[in-house]
Amino acid sequence: MNDLYISAEEAFEQLENEAVLIDIRETFEVENVWIDRDDVWKLPYSTFGQGKADLPQNKKLILCCAVGLVSEDAVLQLKKDGYNAVYVLKDGLVGWKQANLPLKTMEEAACKCKCCKE
């Protein structure tokens, strides 16, 4: 099963080569901290069964959850459905953070300008 996993660093490089990163964490998880990239797809695991049909089959897909466990299940589902180039982001968002890759939190996203503070 080791061929299912891709490191955060390798995933980051692959995103520059048209791979697709799919965050399958639930909405309430994503609201607090998220990968700071505009091209990340959001498909909560609770709706994964319905939404997976919209995923491109001609691109490398990298699935991300909190620590990699839920993503592993989702990747196995996609492999059963005929997807070949699908991977689990090793250690999920935790691995991404440990690799010091771009993240954003709700606090960082909040407006800090003077006009909003008045």
PDB file of N, CA and C in Angstrom:
ATOM      1  N   MET A   1       0.805  -1.195   0.000  1.00  0.00           N
ATOM      2  CA  MET A   1       0.000   0.000   0.000  1.00  0.00           C
ATOM      3  C   MET A   1       0.852   1.265   0.000  1.00  0.00           C
ATOM      4  N   ASN A   2       2.158   1.139   0.091  1.00  0.00           N
ATOM      5  CA  ASN A   2       3.020   2.321   0.098  1.00  0.00           C
ATOM      6  C   ASN A   2       2.929   3.118  -1.189  1.00  0.00           C
ATOM      7  N   ASP A   3       2.539   2.468  -2.307  1.00  0.00           N
ATOM      8  CA  ASP A   3       2.424   3.179  -3.573  1.00  0.00           C
ATOM      9  C   ASP A   3       1.196   4.090  -3.613  1.00  0.00           C
ATOM     10  N   LEU A   4       0.385   4.069  -2.561  1.00  0.00           N
ATOM     11  CA  LEU A   4      -0.772   4.954  -2.479  1.00  0.00           C
ATOM     12  C   LEU A   4      -0.404   6.345  -1.970  1.00  0.00           C
ATOM     13  N   TYR A   5       0.752   6.471  -1.340  1.00  0.00           N
ATOM     14  CA  TYR A   5       1.101   7.698  -0.618  1.00  0.00           C
ATOM     15  C   TYR A   5       2.074   8.571  -1.391  1.00  0.00           C
ATOM     16  N   ILE A   6       1.907   9.883  -1.207  1.00  0.00           N
ATOM     17  CA  ILE A   6       2.802  10.856  -1.796  1.00  0.00           C
ATOM     18  C   ILE A   6       3.131  11.879  -0.699  1.00  0.00           C
ATOM     19  N   SER A   7       4.386  12.235  -0.589  1.00  0.00           N
ATOM     20  CA  SER A   7       4.794  13.183   0.448  1.00  0.00           C
ATOM     21  C   SER A   7       4.258  14.580   0.116  1.00  0.00           C
ATOM     22  N   ALA A   8       4.202  15.422   1.119  1.00  0.00           N
ATOM     23  CA  ALA A   8       3.733  16.795   0.919  1.00  0.00           C
ATOM     24  C   ALA A   8       4.631  17.536  -0.077  1.00  0.00           C
ATOM     25  N   GLU A   9       5.928  17.359   0.052  1.00  0.00           N
ATOM     26  CA  GLU A   9       6.864  18.032  -0.859  1.00  0.00           C
ATOM     27  C   GLU A   9       6.653  17.581  -2.307  1.00  0.00           C
ATOM     28  N   GLU A  10       6.500  16.273  -2.488  1.00  0.00           N
ATOM     29  CA  GLU A  10       6.275  15.754  -3.838  1.00  0.00           C
ATOM     30  C   GLU A  10       4.918  16.216  -4.366  1.00  0.00           C
ATOM     31  N   ALA A  11       3.919  16.237  -3.507  1.00  0.00           N
ATOM     32  CA  ALA A  11       2.596  16.708  -3.915  1.00  0.00           C
ATOM     33  C   ALA A  11       2.669  18.158  -4.381  1.00  0.00           C
ATOM     34  N   PHE A  12       3.382  18.984  -3.632  1.00  0.00           N
ATOM     35  CA  PHE A  12       3.530  20.397  -3.979  1.00  0.00           C
ATOM     36  C   PHE A  12       4.150  20.538  -5.366  1.00  0.00           C
ATOM     37  N   GLU A  13       5.171  19.748  -5.649  1.00  0.00           N
ATOM     38  CA  GLU A  13       5.808  19.771  -6.967  1.00  0.00           C
ATOM     39  C   GLU A  13       4.837  19.310  -8.054  1.00  0.00           C
ATOM     40  N   GLN A  14       4.085  18.258  -7.756  1.00  0.00           N
ATOM     41  CA  GLN A  14       3.149  17.711  -8.739  1.00  0.00           C
ATOM     42  C   GLN A  14       2.024  18.689  -9.071  1.00  0.00           C
ATOM     43  N   LEU A  15       1.660  19.538  -8.116  1.00  0.00           N
ATOM     44  CA  LEU A  15       0.616  20.533  -8.378  1.00  0.00           C
ATOM     45  C   LEU A  15       1.054  21.508  -9.464  1.00  0.00           C
ATOM     46  N   GLU A  16       2.359  21.724  -9.586  1.00  0.00           N
ATOM     47  CA  GLU A  16       2.876  22.589 -10.654  1.00  0.00           C
ATOM     48  C   GLU A  16       2.819  21.881 -12.002  1.00  0.00           C
ATOM     49  N   ASN A  17       2.632  20.568 -11.991  1.00  0.00           N
ATOM     50  CA  ASN A  17       2.542  19.766 -13.223  1.00  0.00           C
ATOM     51  C   ASN A  17       1.121  19.296 -13.467  1.00  0.00           C
ATOM     52  N   GLU A  18       0.157  20.106 -13.062  1.00  0.00           N
ATOM     53  CA  GLU A  18      -1.261  19.881 -13.331  1.00  0.00           C
ATOM     54  C   GLU A  18      -1.903  18.749 -12.540  1.00  0.00           C
ATOM     55  N   ALA A  19      -1.285  18.315 -11.462  1.00  0.00           N
ATOM     56  CA  ALA A  19      -1.981  17.395 -10.565  1.00  0.00           C
ATOM     57  C   ALA A  19      -3.069  18.190  -9.848  1.00  0.00           C
ATOM     58  N   VAL A  20      -4.049  17.490  -9.302  1.00  0.00           N
ATOM     59  CA  VAL A  20      -5.163  18.134  -8.619  1.00  0.00           C
ATOM     60  C   VAL A  20      -5.157  17.683  -7.158  1.00  0.00           C
ATOM     61  N   LEU A  21      -5.142  18.651  -6.257  1.00  0.00           N
ATOM     62  CA  LEU A  21      -5.221  18.365  -4.824  1.00  0.00           C
ATOM     63  C   LEU A  21      -6.668  18.506  -4.401  1.00  0.00           C
ATOM     64  N   ILE A  22      -7.190  17.455  -3.769  1.00  0.00           N
ATOM     65  CA  ILE A  22      -8.593  17.440  -3.356  1.00  0.00           C
ATOM     66  C   ILE A  22      -8.647  17.309  -1.841  1.00  0.00           C
ATOM     67  N   ASP A  23      -9.179  18.331  -1.203  1.00  0.00           N
ATOM     68  CA  ASP A  23      -9.329  18.356   0.247  1.00  0.00           C
ATOM     69  C   ASP A  23     -10.671  17.723   0.580  1.00  0.00           C
ATOM     70  N   ILE A  24     -10.641  16.551   1.225  1.00  0.00           N
ATOM     71  CA  ILE A  24     -11.890  15.849   1.524  1.00  0.00           C
ATOM     72  C   ILE A  24     -12.310  16.009   2.986  1.00  0.00           C
ATOM     73  N   ARG A  25     -11.680  16.963   3.664  1.00  0.00           N
ATOM     74  CA  ARG A  25     -12.113  17.236   5.033  1.00  0.00           C
ATOM     75  C   ARG A  25     -13.496  17.884   4.997  1.00  0.00           C
ATOM     76  N   GLU A  26     -14.207  17.743   6.092  1.00  0.00           N
ATOM     77  CA  GLU A  26     -15.539  18.313   6.183  1.00  0.00           C
ATOM     78  C   GLU A  26     -15.458  19.837   6.243  1.00  0.00           C
ATOM     79  N   THR A  27     -16.532  20.496   5.885  1.00  0.00           N
ATOM     80  CA  THR A  27     -16.573  21.956   5.814  1.00  0.00           C
ATOM     81  C   THR A  27     -16.126  22.596   7.122  1.00  0.00           C
ATOM     82  N   PHE A  28     -16.572  22.072   8.254  1.00  0.00           N
ATOM     83  CA  PHE A  28     -16.187  22.683   9.530  1.00  0.00           C
ATOM     84  C   PHE A  28     -14.691  22.560   9.788  1.00  0.00           C
ATOM     85  N   GLU A  29     -14.036  21.558   9.222  1.00  0.00           N
ATOM     86  CA  GLU A  29     -12.584  21.420   9.370  1.00  0.00           C
ATOM     87  C   GLU A  29     -11.853  22.430   8.486  1.00  0.00           C
ATOM     88  N   VAL A  30     -12.348  22.598   7.285  1.00  0.00           N
ATOM     89  CA  VAL A  30     -11.714  23.483   6.314  1.00  0.00           C
ATOM     90  C   VAL A  30     -11.864  24.949   6.724  1.00  0.00           C
ATOM     91  N   GLU A  31     -12.906  25.263   7.470  1.00  0.00           N
ATOM     92  CA  GLU A  31     -13.135  26.647   7.889  1.00  0.00           C
ATOM     93  C   GLU A  31     -12.029  27.159   8.807  1.00  0.00           C
ATOM     94  N   ASN A  32     -11.366  26.290   9.536  1.00  0.00           N
ATOM     95  CA  ASN A  32     -10.357  26.705  10.509  1.00  0.00           C
ATOM     96  C   ASN A  32      -8.958  26.836   9.917  1.00  0.00           C
ATOM     97  N   VAL A  33      -8.584  25.911   9.059  1.00  0.00           N
ATOM     98  CA  VAL A  33      -7.260  25.933   8.439  1.00  0.00           C
ATOM     99  C   VAL A  33      -7.354  25.222   7.092  1.00  0.00           C
ATOM    100  N   TRP A  34      -6.684  25.792   6.093  1.00  0.00           N
ATOM    101  CA  TRP A  34      -6.747  25.195   4.770  1.00  0.00           C
ATOM    102  C   TRP A  34      -5.441  25.435   4.034  1.00  0.00           C
ATOM    103  N   ILE A  35      -5.254  24.642   2.986  1.00  0.00           N
ATOM    104  CA  ILE A  35      -4.078  24.783   2.136  1.00  0.00           C
ATOM    105  C   ILE A  35      -4.251  26.063   1.327  1.00  0.00           C
ATOM    106  N   ASP A  36      -3.254  26.910   1.384  1.00  0.00           N
ATOM    107  CA  ASP A  36      -3.332  28.230   0.776  1.00  0.00           C
ATOM    108  C   ASP A  36      -2.947  28.173  -0.697  1.00  0.00           C
ATOM    109  N   ARG A  37      -3.861  27.633  -1.485  1.00  0.00           N
ATOM    110  CA  ARG A  37      -3.725  27.567  -2.940  1.00  0.00           C
ATOM    111  C   ARG A  37      -5.122  27.735  -3.519  1.00  0.00           C
ATOM    112  N   ASP A  38      -5.214  28.459  -4.609  1.00  0.00           N
ATOM    113  CA  ASP A  38      -6.516  28.684  -5.235  1.00  0.00           C
ATOM    114  C   ASP A  38      -7.023  27.474  -6.009  1.00  0.00           C
ATOM    115  N   ASP A  39      -6.136  26.558  -6.344  1.00  0.00           N
ATOM    116  CA  ASP A  39      -6.518  25.439  -7.199  1.00  0.00           C
ATOM    117  C   ASP A  39      -6.917  24.167  -6.434  1.00  0.00           C
ATOM    118  N   VAL A  40      -7.050  24.233  -5.126  1.00  0.00           N
ATOM    119  CA  VAL A  40      -7.440  23.054  -4.342  1.00  0.00           C
ATOM    120  C   VAL A  40      -8.946  22.827  -4.487  1.00  0.00           C
ATOM    121  N   TRP A  41      -9.311  21.609  -4.830  1.00  0.00           N
ATOM    122  CA  TRP A  41     -10.722  21.246  -4.903  1.00  0.00           C
ATOM    123  C   TRP A  41     -11.182  20.875  -3.504  1.00  0.00           C
ATOM    124  N   LYS A  42     -12.412  21.212  -3.175  1.00  0.00           N
ATOM    125  CA  LYS A  42     -12.982  20.838  -1.884  1.00  0.00           C
ATOM    126  C   LYS A  42     -14.149  19.892  -2.136  1.00  0.00           C
ATOM    127  N   LEU A  43     -14.032  18.694  -1.614  1.00  0.00           N
ATOM    128  CA  LEU A  43     -15.070  17.676  -1.758  1.00  0.00           C
ATOM    129  C   LEU A  43     -15.160  16.928  -0.430  1.00  0.00           C
ATOM    130  N   PRO A  44     -16.013  17.405   0.486  1.00  0.00           N
ATOM    131  CA  PRO A  44     -16.110  16.759   1.801  1.00  0.00           C
ATOM    132  C   PRO A  44     -16.404  15.266   1.678  1.00  0.00           C
ATOM    133  N   TYR A  45     -15.785  14.496   2.547  1.00  0.00           N
ATOM    134  CA  TYR A  45     -15.959  13.042   2.491  1.00  0.00           C
ATOM    135  C   TYR A  45     -17.430  12.641   2.639  1.00  0.00           C
ATOM    136  N   SER A  46     -18.198  13.425   3.384  1.00  0.00           N
ATOM    137  CA  SER A  46     -19.616  13.096   3.570  1.00  0.00           C
ATOM    138  C   SER A  46     -20.397  13.147   2.261  1.00  0.00           C
ATOM    139  N   THR A  47     -19.879  13.862   1.260  1.00  0.00           N
ATOM    140  CA  THR A  47     -20.539  13.922  -0.049  1.00  0.00           C
ATOM    141  C   THR A  47     -19.663  13.302  -1.143  1.00  0.00           C
ATOM    142  N   PHE A  48     -18.637  12.604  -0.739  1.00  0.00           N
ATOM    143  CA  PHE A  48     -17.667  12.047  -1.685  1.00  0.00           C
ATOM    144  C   PHE A  48     -18.327  11.092  -2.676  1.00  0.00           C
ATOM    145  N   GLY A  49     -19.249  10.269  -2.215  1.00  0.00           N
ATOM    146  CA  GLY A  49     -19.915   9.299  -3.091  1.00  0.00           C
ATOM    147  C   GLY A  49     -20.591   9.948  -4.282  1.00  0.00           C
ATOM    148  N   GLN A  50     -21.253  11.080  -4.045  1.00  0.00           N
ATOM    149  CA  GLN A  50     -21.934  11.782  -5.137  1.00  0.00           C
ATOM    150  C   GLN A  50     -20.956  12.616  -5.958  1.00  0.00           C
ATOM    151  N   GLY A  51     -19.981  13.246  -5.326  1.00  0.00           N
ATOM    152  CA  GLY A  51     -19.092  14.185  -6.005  1.00  0.00           C
ATOM    153  C   GLY A  51     -17.945  13.574  -6.769  1.00  0.00           C
ATOM    154  N   LYS A  52     -17.601  12.326  -6.464  1.00  0.00           N
ATOM    155  CA  LYS A  52     -16.410  11.750  -7.099  1.00  0.00           C
ATOM    156  C   LYS A  52     -16.552  11.586  -8.602  1.00  0.00           C
ATOM    157  N   ALA A  53     -17.771  11.521  -9.101  1.00  0.00           N
ATOM    158  CA  ALA A  53     -17.983  11.384 -10.542  1.00  0.00           C
ATOM    159  C   ALA A  53     -17.492  12.612 -11.305  1.00  0.00           C
ATOM    160  N   ASP A  54     -17.377  13.755 -10.630  1.00  0.00           N
ATOM    161  CA  ASP A  54     -16.924  14.981 -11.276  1.00  0.00           C
ATOM    162  C   ASP A  54     -15.401  15.101 -11.332  1.00  0.00           C
ATOM    163  N   LEU A  55     -14.694  14.187 -10.690  1.00  0.00           N
ATOM    164  CA  LEU A  55     -13.235  14.260 -10.650  1.00  0.00           C
ATOM    165  C   LEU A  55     -12.639  13.850 -11.992  1.00  0.00           C
ATOM    166  N   PRO A  56     -11.632  14.572 -12.455  1.00  0.00           N
ATOM    167  CA  PRO A  56     -11.028  14.231 -13.750  1.00  0.00           C
ATOM    168  C   PRO A  56     -10.259  12.911 -13.679  1.00  0.00           C
ATOM    169  N   GLN A  57     -10.439  12.082 -14.679  1.00  0.00           N
ATOM    170  CA  GLN A  57      -9.723  10.811 -14.721  1.00  0.00           C
ATOM    171  C   GLN A  57      -8.399  10.920 -15.459  1.00  0.00           C
ATOM    172  N   ASN A  58      -8.177  12.039 -16.134  1.00  0.00           N
ATOM    173  CA  ASN A  58      -6.961  12.187 -16.936  1.00  0.00           C
ATOM    174  C   ASN A  58      -5.860  12.967 -16.225  1.00  0.00           C
ATOM    175  N   LYS A  59      -6.018  13.217 -14.918  1.00  0.00           N
ATOM    176  CA  LYS A  59      -5.007  13.932 -14.149  1.00  0.00           C
ATOM    177  C   LYS A  59      -4.647  13.143 -12.900  1.00  0.00           C
ATOM    178  N   LYS A  60      -3.470  13.444 -12.380  1.00  0.00           N
ATOM    179  CA  LYS A  60      -3.060  12.853 -11.111  1.00  0.00           C
ATOM    180  C   LYS A  60      -3.877  13.521 -10.008  1.00  0.00           C
ATOM    181  N   LEU A  61      -4.512  12.714  -9.168  1.00  0.00           N
ATOM    182  CA  LEU A  61      -5.319  13.225  -8.069  1.00  0.00           C
ATOM    183  C   LEU A  61      -4.624  12.915  -6.746  1.00  0.00           C
ATOM    184  N   ILE A  62      -4.531  13.918  -5.889  1.00  0.00           N
ATOM    185  CA  ILE A  62      -3.916  13.766  -4.571  1.00  0.00           C
ATOM    186  C   ILE A  62      -4.973  14.158  -3.557  1.00  0.00           C
ATOM    187  N   LEU A  63      -5.367  13.201  -2.717  1.00  0.00           N
ATOM    188  CA  LEU A  63      -6.419  13.454  -1.742  1.00  0.00           C
ATOM    189  C   LEU A  63      -5.836  13.767  -0.384  1.00  0.00           C
ATOM    190  N   CYS A  64      -6.425  14.774   0.256  1.00  0.00           N
ATOM    191  CA  CYS A  64      -5.942  15.261   1.546  1.00  0.00           C
ATOM    192  C   CYS A  64      -7.070  15.241   2.564  1.00  0.00           C
ATOM    193  N   CYS A  65      -6.779  14.715   3.739  1.00  0.00           N
ATOM    194  CA  CYS A  65      -7.671  14.831   4.892  1.00  0.00           C
ATOM    195  C   CYS A  65      -6.807  15.320   6.047  1.00  0.00           C
ATOM    196  N   ALA A  66      -7.253  15.146   7.258  1.00  0.00           N
ATOM    197  CA  ALA A  66      -6.498  15.664   8.406  1.00  0.00           C
ATOM    198  C   ALA A  66      -5.161  14.942   8.586  1.00  0.00           C
ATOM    199  N   VAL A  67      -5.187  13.597   8.599  1.00  0.00           N
ATOM    200  CA  VAL A  67      -3.950  12.839   8.848  1.00  0.00           C
ATOM    201  C   VAL A  67      -3.697  11.723   7.839  1.00  0.00           C
ATOM    202  N   GLY A  68      -4.556  11.544   6.861  1.00  0.00           N
ATOM    203  CA  GLY A  68      -4.333  10.549   5.814  1.00  0.00           C
ATOM    204  C   GLY A  68      -5.206   9.313   5.869  1.00  0.00           C
ATOM    205  N   LEU A  69      -5.934   9.097   6.942  1.00  0.00           N
ATOM    206  CA  LEU A  69      -6.733   7.874   7.067  1.00  0.00           C
ATOM    207  C   LEU A  69      -7.977   7.890   6.189  1.00  0.00           C
ATOM    208  N   VAL A  70      -8.724   8.960   6.224  1.00  0.00           N
ATOM    209  CA  VAL A  70      -9.943   9.066   5.416  1.00  0.00           C
ATOM    210  C   VAL A  70      -9.578   9.111   3.932  1.00  0.00           C
ATOM    211  N   SER A  71      -8.495   9.795   3.611  1.00  0.00           N
ATOM    212  CA  SER A  71      -8.046   9.867   2.213  1.00  0.00           C
ATOM    213  C   SER A  71      -7.707   8.491   1.669  1.00  0.00           C
ATOM    214  N   GLU A  72      -7.132   7.643   2.505  1.00  0.00           N
ATOM    215  CA  GLU A  72      -6.799   6.290   2.055  1.00  0.00           C
ATOM    216  C   GLU A  72      -8.058   5.559   1.622  1.00  0.00           C
ATOM    217  N   ASP A  73      -9.119   5.646   2.402  1.00  0.00           N
ATOM    218  CA  ASP A  73     -10.383   5.003   2.043  1.00  0.00           C
ATOM    219  C   ASP A  73     -10.920   5.568   0.727  1.00  0.00           C
ATOM    220  N   ALA A  74     -10.865   6.882   0.572  1.00  0.00           N
ATOM    221  CA  ALA A  74     -11.366   7.523  -0.642  1.00  0.00           C
ATOM    222  C   ALA A  74     -10.545   7.116  -1.868  1.00  0.00           C
ATOM    223  N   VAL A  75      -9.226   7.030  -1.716  1.00  0.00           N
ATOM    224  CA  VAL A  75      -8.365   6.607  -2.825  1.00  0.00           C
ATOM    225  C   VAL A  75      -8.695   5.174  -3.236  1.00  0.00           C
ATOM    226  N   LEU A  76      -8.903   4.308  -2.272  1.00  0.00           N
ATOM    227  CA  LEU A  76      -9.257   2.920  -2.594  1.00  0.00           C
ATOM    228  C   LEU A  76     -10.591   2.856  -3.335  1.00  0.00           C
ATOM    229  N   GLN A  77     -11.538   3.693  -2.966  1.00  0.00           N
ATOM    230  CA  GLN A  77     -12.817   3.765  -3.688  1.00  0.00           C
ATOM    231  C   GLN A  77     -12.589   4.184  -5.140  1.00  0.00           C
ATOM    232  N   LEU A  78     -11.764   5.210  -5.327  1.00  0.00           N
ATOM    233  CA  LEU A  78     -11.497   5.686  -6.683  1.00  0.00           C
ATOM    234  C   LEU A  78     -10.785   4.630  -7.515  1.00  0.00           C
ATOM    235  N   LYS A  79      -9.860   3.901  -6.907  1.00  0.00           N
ATOM    236  CA  LYS A  79      -9.163   2.830  -7.643  1.00  0.00           C
ATOM    237  C   LYS A  79     -10.163   1.765  -8.095  1.00  0.00           C
ATOM    238  N   LYS A  80     -11.126   1.434  -7.246  1.00  0.00           N
ATOM    239  CA  LYS A  80     -12.172   0.468  -7.634  1.00  0.00           C
ATOM    240  C   LYS A  80     -13.009   0.992  -8.793  1.00  0.00           C
ATOM    241  N   ASP A  81     -13.144   2.313  -8.866  1.00  0.00           N
ATOM    242  CA  ASP A  81     -13.925   2.942  -9.931  1.00  0.00           C
ATOM    243  C   ASP A  81     -13.121   3.155 -11.208  1.00  0.00           C
ATOM    244  N   GLY A  82     -11.864   2.710 -11.231  1.00  0.00           N
ATOM    245  CA  GLY A  82     -11.065   2.787 -12.444  1.00  0.00           C
ATOM    246  C   GLY A  82     -10.074   3.938 -12.513  1.00  0.00           C
ATOM    247  N   TYR A  83      -9.973   4.721 -11.462  1.00  0.00           N
ATOM    248  CA  TYR A  83      -8.960   5.786 -11.434  1.00  0.00           C
ATOM    249  C   TYR A  83      -7.605   5.142 -11.157  1.00  0.00           C
ATOM    250  N   ASN A  84      -6.600   5.538 -11.899  1.00  0.00           N
ATOM    251  CA  ASN A  84      -5.280   4.943 -11.732  1.00  0.00           C
ATOM    252  C   ASN A  84      -4.303   5.834 -10.978  1.00  0.00           C
ATOM    253  N   ALA A  85      -4.246   7.097 -11.346  1.00  0.00           N
ATOM    254  CA  ALA A  85      -3.264   8.017 -10.765  1.00  0.00           C
ATOM    255  C   ALA A  85      -3.884   8.780  -9.599  1.00  0.00           C
ATOM    256  N   VAL A  86      -4.157   8.057  -8.512  1.00  0.00           N
ATOM    257  CA  VAL A  86      -4.736   8.665  -7.310  1.00  0.00           C
ATOM    258  C   VAL A  86      -3.856   8.328  -6.119  1.00  0.00           C
ATOM    259  N   TYR A  87      -3.641   9.333  -5.261  1.00  0.00           N
ATOM    260  CA  TYR A  87      -2.708   9.184  -4.153  1.00  0.00           C
ATOM    261  C   TYR A  87      -3.254   9.830  -2.888  1.00  0.00           C
ATOM    262  N   VAL A  88      -2.760   9.349  -1.772  1.00  0.00           N
ATOM    263  CA  VAL A  88      -3.049   9.913  -0.456  1.00  0.00           C
ATOM    264  C   VAL A  88      -1.918  10.864  -0.107  1.00  0.00           C
ATOM    265  N   LEU A  89      -2.263  12.073   0.311  1.00  0.00           N
ATOM    266  CA  LEU A  89      -1.248  12.978   0.834  1.00  0.00           C
ATOM    267  C   LEU A  89      -0.805  12.402   2.173  1.00  0.00           C
ATOM    268  N   LYS A  90       0.439  11.917   2.216  1.00  0.00           N
ATOM    269  CA  LYS A  90       0.965  11.254   3.411  1.00  0.00           C
ATOM    270  C   LYS A  90       0.853  12.184   4.620  1.00  0.00           C
ATOM    271  N   ASP A  91       0.245  11.693   5.668  1.00  0.00           N
ATOM    272  CA  ASP A  91       0.012  12.430   6.916  1.00  0.00           C
ATOM    273  C   ASP A  91      -0.930  13.615   6.736  1.00  0.00           C
ATOM    274  N   GLY A  92      -1.607  13.703   5.616  1.00  0.00           N
ATOM    275  CA  GLY A  92      -2.638  14.696   5.394  1.00  0.00           C
ATOM    276  C   GLY A  92      -2.183  16.127   5.629  1.00  0.00           C
ATOM    277  N   LEU A  93      -3.101  16.914   6.175  1.00  0.00           N
ATOM    278  CA  LEU A  93      -2.799  18.309   6.436  1.00  0.00           C
ATOM    279  C   LEU A  93      -1.670  18.456   7.446  1.00  0.00           C
ATOM    280  N   VAL A  94      -1.540  17.506   8.351  1.00  0.00           N
ATOM    281  CA  VAL A  94      -0.442  17.521   9.323  1.00  0.00           C
ATOM    282  C   VAL A  94       0.895  17.441   8.587  1.00  0.00           C
ATOM    283  N   GLY A  95       1.002  16.558   7.613  1.00  0.00           N
ATOM    284  CA  GLY A  95       2.226  16.430   6.823  1.00  0.00           C
ATOM    285  C   GLY A  95       2.521  17.685   6.023  1.00  0.00           C
ATOM    286  N   TRP A  96       1.472  18.293   5.481  1.00  0.00           N
ATOM    287  CA  TRP A  96       1.626  19.540   4.726  1.00  0.00           C
ATOM    288  C   TRP A  96       2.198  20.626   5.633  1.00  0.00           C
ATOM    289  N   LYS A  97       1.633  20.721   6.846  1.00  0.00           N
ATOM    290  CA  LYS A  97       2.096  21.732   7.808  1.00  0.00           C
ATOM    291  C   LYS A  97       3.537  21.459   8.236  1.00  0.00           C
ATOM    292  N   GLN A  98       3.866  20.192   8.493  1.00  0.00           N
ATOM    293  CA  GLN A  98       5.234  19.842   8.915  1.00  0.00           C
ATOM    294  C   GLN A  98       6.258  20.158   7.833  1.00  0.00           C
ATOM    295  N   ALA A  99       5.826  20.135   6.578  1.00  0.00           N
ATOM    296  CA  ALA A  99       6.723  20.451   5.463  1.00  0.00           C
ATOM    297  C   ALA A  99       6.814  21.964   5.219  1.00  0.00           C
ATOM    298  N   ASN A 100       6.152  22.737   6.073  1.00  0.00           N
ATOM    299  CA  ASN A 100       6.154  24.204   5.957  1.00  0.00           C
ATOM    300  C   ASN A 100       5.647  24.694   4.608  1.00  0.00           C
ATOM    301  N   LEU A 101       4.613  24.031   4.102  1.00  0.00           N
ATOM    302  CA  LEU A 101       4.003  24.455   2.846  1.00  0.00           C
ATOM    303  C   LEU A 101       2.850  25.411   3.145  1.00  0.00           C
ATOM    304  N   PRO A 102       2.385  26.171   2.161  1.00  0.00           N
ATOM    305  CA  PRO A 102       1.426  27.251   2.413  1.00  0.00           C
ATOM    306  C   PRO A 102       0.100  26.793   3.022  1.00  0.00           C
ATOM    307  N   LEU A 103      -0.183  27.351   4.188  1.00  0.00           N
ATOM    308  CA  LEU A 103      -1.449  27.139   4.893  1.00  0.00           C
ATOM    309  C   LEU A 103      -2.022  28.496   5.260  1.00  0.00           C
ATOM    310  N   LYS A 104      -3.300  28.538   5.451  1.00  0.00           N
ATOM    311  CA  LYS A 104      -3.940  29.759   5.928  1.00  0.00           C
ATOM    312  C   LYS A 104      -4.932  29.364   7.014  1.00  0.00           C
ATOM    313  N   THR A 105      -5.015  30.189   8.038  1.00  0.00           N
ATOM    314  CA  THR A 105      -5.972  29.962   9.127  1.00  0.00           C
ATOM    315  C   THR A 105      -7.031  31.055   9.090  1.00  0.00           C
ATOM    316  N   MET A 106      -8.109  30.815   9.785  1.00  0.00           N
ATOM    317  CA  MET A 106      -9.185  31.795   9.849  1.00  0.00           C
ATOM    318  C   MET A 106      -8.658  33.126  10.380  1.00  0.00           C
ATOM    319  N   GLU A 107      -7.805  33.090  11.390  1.00  0.00           N
ATOM    320  CA  GLU A 107      -7.237  34.321  11.950  1.00  0.00           C
ATOM    321  C   GLU A 107      -6.444  35.102  10.907  1.00  0.00           C
ATOM    322  N   GLU A 108      -5.646  34.393  10.113  1.00  0.00           N
ATOM    323  CA  GLU A 108      -4.838  35.062   9.085  1.00  0.00           C
ATOM    324  C   GLU A 108      -5.706  35.644   7.980  1.00  0.00           C
ATOM    325  N   ALA A 109      -6.826  34.991   7.709  1.00  0.00           N
ATOM    326  CA  ALA A 109      -7.698  35.436   6.632  1.00  0.00           C
ATOM    327  C   ALA A 109      -8.565  36.613   7.052  1.00  0.00           C
ATOM    328  N   ALA A 110      -8.757  36.792   8.358  1.00  0.00           N
ATOM    329  CA  ALA A 110      -9.604  37.883   8.831  1.00  0.00           C
ATOM    330  C   ALA A 110      -8.976  39.229   8.466  1.00  0.00           C
ATOM    331  N   CYS A 111      -9.822  40.126   8.115  1.00  0.00           N
ATOM    332  CA  CYS A 111      -9.345  41.471   7.747  1.00  0.00           C
ATOM    333  C   CYS A 111      -8.761  42.152   8.975  1.00  0.00           C
ATOM    334  N   LYS A 112      -7.581  42.722   8.809  1.00  0.00           N
ATOM    335  CA  LYS A 112      -6.909  43.398   9.909  1.00  0.00           C
ATOM    336  C   LYS A 112      -6.720  44.891   9.613  1.00  0.00           C
ATOM    337  N   CYS A 113      -7.459  45.390   8.667  1.00  0.00           N
ATOM    338  CA  CYS A 113      -7.286  46.795   8.327  1.00  0.00           C
ATOM    339  C   CYS A 113      -7.914  47.692   9.392  1.00  0.00           C
ATOM    340  N   LYS A 114      -7.470  48.898   9.420  1.00  0.00           N
ATOM    341  CA  LYS A 114      -7.937  49.855  10.438  1.00  0.00           C
ATOM    342  C   LYS A 114      -9.444  50.128  10.287  1.00  0.00           C
ATOM    343  N   CYS A 115      -9.934  50.203   9.068  1.00  0.00           N
ATOM    344  CA  CYS A 115     -11.345  50.555   8.877  1.00  0.00           C
ATOM    345  C   CYS A 115     -12.296  49.491   9.440  1.00  0.00           C
ATOM    346  N   CYS A 116     -11.900  48.233   9.423  1.00  0.00           N
ATOM    347  CA  CYS A 116     -12.753  47.166   9.951  1.00  0.00           C
ATOM    348  C   CYS A 116     -12.720  47.107  11.472  1.00  0.00           C
ATOM    349  N   LYS A 117     -11.679  47.641  12.062  1.00  0.00           N
ATOM    350  CA  LYS A 117     -11.528  47.585  13.516  1.00  0.00           C
ATOM    351  C   LYS A 117     -12.309  48.683  14.219  1.00  0.00           C
ATOM    352  N   GLU A 118     -12.776  49.675  13.470  1.00  0.00           N
ATOM    353  CA  GLU A 118     -13.477  50.804  14.087  1.00  0.00           C
ATOM    354  C   GLU A 118     -14.932  50.503  14.312  1.00  0.00           C
TER     355      GLU A 118
END
